[in-house]
């Protein structure tokens, strides 16, 4: 079984940057697509970014607008989310997730992901 642990969240001023990490244990994630999602109070969990198993394809939510970059280091069994030019509306709990079904493609909806981390809080002050 895969366990995912996020880190790197915190409090940052608007315009600042954070780098989130998602460390996997229990099994290699090198064959699986990974995603970052976020959930703000009273809102649904939404896709922030997703990356194919190889890292060759990446996808972003419309609100990202070039500010975030998803990446992965399969040798370290870790995925990352670099967030720049943060806005107050980016405040949320950020979750990483893995799709272990290995059916091809990179899922973009939360229901297609099998394993989730516990989340890390990102708070952006305006």
Protein backbone atom coordinates (compact mmCIF):
# COMPACT_ATOMS: atom_id res chain seq x y z
CA UNK A 1 0.00 0.00 0.00
CA UNK A 2 1.19 3.50 -0.82
CA UNK A 3 1.27 6.23 1.79
CA UNK A 4 1.58 9.87 0.76
CA UNK A 5 2.81 12.64 3.03
CA UNK A 6 2.67 16.30 2.03
CA UNK A 7 4.94 18.98 3.43
CA UNK A 8 5.94 22.55 2.68
CA UNK A 9 2.73 24.36 3.45
CA UNK A 10 2.58 27.45 5.63
CA UNK A 11 1.78 31.12 5.83
CA UNK A 12 3.05 33.39 3.09
CA UNK A 13 2.30 36.91 1.93
CA UNK A 14 0.56 37.55 -1.35
CA UNK A 15 3.08 37.46 -4.17
CA UNK A 16 5.26 34.98 -2.34
CA UNK A 17 6.20 31.40 -3.14
CA UNK A 18 5.96 27.96 -1.59
CA UNK A 19 7.16 24.56 -2.69
CA UNK A 20 5.05 21.61 -1.64
CA UNK A 21 6.45 18.10 -1.54
CA UNK A 22 4.62 14.78 -1.60
CA UNK A 23 6.74 11.88 -0.39
CA UNK A 24 5.52 8.38 -1.11
CA UNK A 25 6.36 5.28 0.88
CA UNK A 26 5.39 1.63 0.85
CA UNK A 27 5.62 1.30 -2.91
CA UNK A 28 7.23 3.08 -5.83
CA UNK A 29 5.05 5.68 -7.53
CA UNK A 30 7.13 5.83 -10.68
CA UNK A 31 4.45 4.06 -12.74
CA UNK A 32 1.54 6.20 -11.61
CA UNK A 33 0.08 9.58 -12.45
CA UNK A 34 0.07 12.04 -9.58
CA UNK A 35 -2.12 15.00 -8.82
CA UNK A 36 -2.29 17.99 -6.53
CA UNK A 37 -5.71 19.13 -5.38
CA UNK A 38 -6.89 21.80 -3.02
CA UNK A 39 -9.94 22.41 -0.89
CA UNK A 40 -10.96 25.71 0.65
CA UNK A 41 -13.61 25.92 3.37
CA UNK A 42 -17.08 25.45 1.93
CA UNK A 43 -15.76 24.56 -1.50
CA UNK A 44 -15.26 21.32 -3.40
CA UNK A 45 -11.85 19.74 -3.77
CA UNK A 46 -10.47 20.91 -7.11
CA UNK A 47 -7.59 19.95 -9.36
CA UNK A 48 -4.54 22.17 -9.09
CA UNK A 49 -2.17 20.15 -11.29
CA UNK A 50 -1.55 16.63 -12.52
CA UNK A 51 1.47 14.89 -13.99
CA UNK A 52 1.89 11.71 -15.98
CA UNK A 53 3.93 8.80 -14.65
CA UNK A 54 6.96 9.86 -16.70
CA UNK A 55 6.60 13.57 -16.03
CA UNK A 56 6.26 14.17 -19.75
CA UNK A 57 2.73 15.54 -19.56
CA UNK A 58 1.37 18.07 -17.11
CA UNK A 59 -2.06 19.64 -16.62
CA UNK A 60 -3.22 22.61 -14.61
CA UNK A 61 -6.42 24.10 -13.32
CA UNK A 62 -7.50 27.22 -15.20
CA UNK A 63 -6.88 29.40 -12.17
CA UNK A 64 -3.18 28.52 -12.13
CA UNK A 65 -2.44 30.84 -15.07
CA UNK A 66 1.22 29.88 -15.29
CA UNK A 67 2.00 30.49 -11.63
CA UNK A 68 2.48 26.87 -10.49
CA UNK A 69 4.67 24.03 -11.71
CA UNK A 70 4.15 20.35 -10.96
CA UNK A 71 7.10 18.01 -11.18
CA UNK A 72 8.26 14.65 -9.92
CA UNK A 73 11.47 12.85 -9.09
CA UNK A 74 10.77 9.14 -9.45
CA UNK A 75 14.17 8.24 -8.05
CA UNK A 76 13.16 9.98 -4.82
CA UNK A 77 9.55 8.75 -4.97
CA UNK A 78 8.42 12.33 -4.57
CA UNK A 79 6.20 14.81 -6.38
CA UNK A 80 6.40 18.58 -6.06
CA UNK A 81 4.27 21.65 -6.56
CA UNK A 82 6.13 24.93 -6.95
CA UNK A 83 3.75 27.83 -6.35
CA UNK A 84 4.73 31.37 -7.26
CA UNK A 85 2.85 34.67 -7.24
CA UNK A 86 0.49 33.35 -4.61
CA UNK A 87 -2.83 35.08 -4.09
CA UNK A 88 -5.15 35.20 -1.10
CA UNK A 89 -7.61 33.02 -3.02
CA UNK A 90 -4.99 30.25 -3.14
CA UNK A 91 -5.56 29.70 0.56
CA UNK A 92 -6.65 26.10 1.05
CA UNK A 93 -5.58 22.67 2.22
CA UNK A 94 -3.48 21.11 -0.51
CA UNK A 95 -3.54 17.36 -1.08
CA UNK A 96 -1.47 15.09 -3.26
CA UNK A 97 -2.92 11.94 -4.74
CA UNK A 98 -1.89 8.94 -6.81
CA UNK A 99 -3.81 6.94 -9.39
CA UNK A 100 -2.76 3.33 -8.93
CA UNK A 101 -5.01 1.80 -11.56
CA UNK A 102 -2.43 2.06 -14.37
CA UNK A 103 -4.95 2.28 -17.18
CA UNK A 104 -3.14 4.92 -19.18
CA UNK A 105 -3.53 8.66 -19.30
CA UNK A 106 -3.49 11.16 -16.48
CA UNK A 107 -6.76 11.61 -14.62
CA UNK A 108 -8.00 15.12 -13.96
CA UNK A 109 -10.89 14.40 -11.60
CA UNK A 110 -10.54 13.69 -7.91
CA UNK A 111 -12.73 10.58 -8.10
CA UNK A 112 -10.16 8.84 -10.29
CA UNK A 113 -7.42 8.98 -7.67
CA UNK A 114 -7.00 6.08 -5.25
CA UNK A 115 -4.60 7.24 -2.57
CA UNK A 116 -4.48 10.59 -0.80
CA UNK A 117 -2.19 12.33 1.59
CA UNK A 118 -3.39 14.03 4.75
CA UNK A 119 -3.05 17.51 3.29
CA UNK A 120 -0.98 20.57 4.09
CA UNK A 121 -2.40 24.01 4.85
CA UNK A 122 -1.43 26.93 2.64
CA UNK A 123 -2.46 30.35 3.87
CA UNK A 124 -1.80 33.46 1.79
CA UNK A 125 -2.21 36.78 3.52
CA UNK A 126 -3.21 39.80 1.49
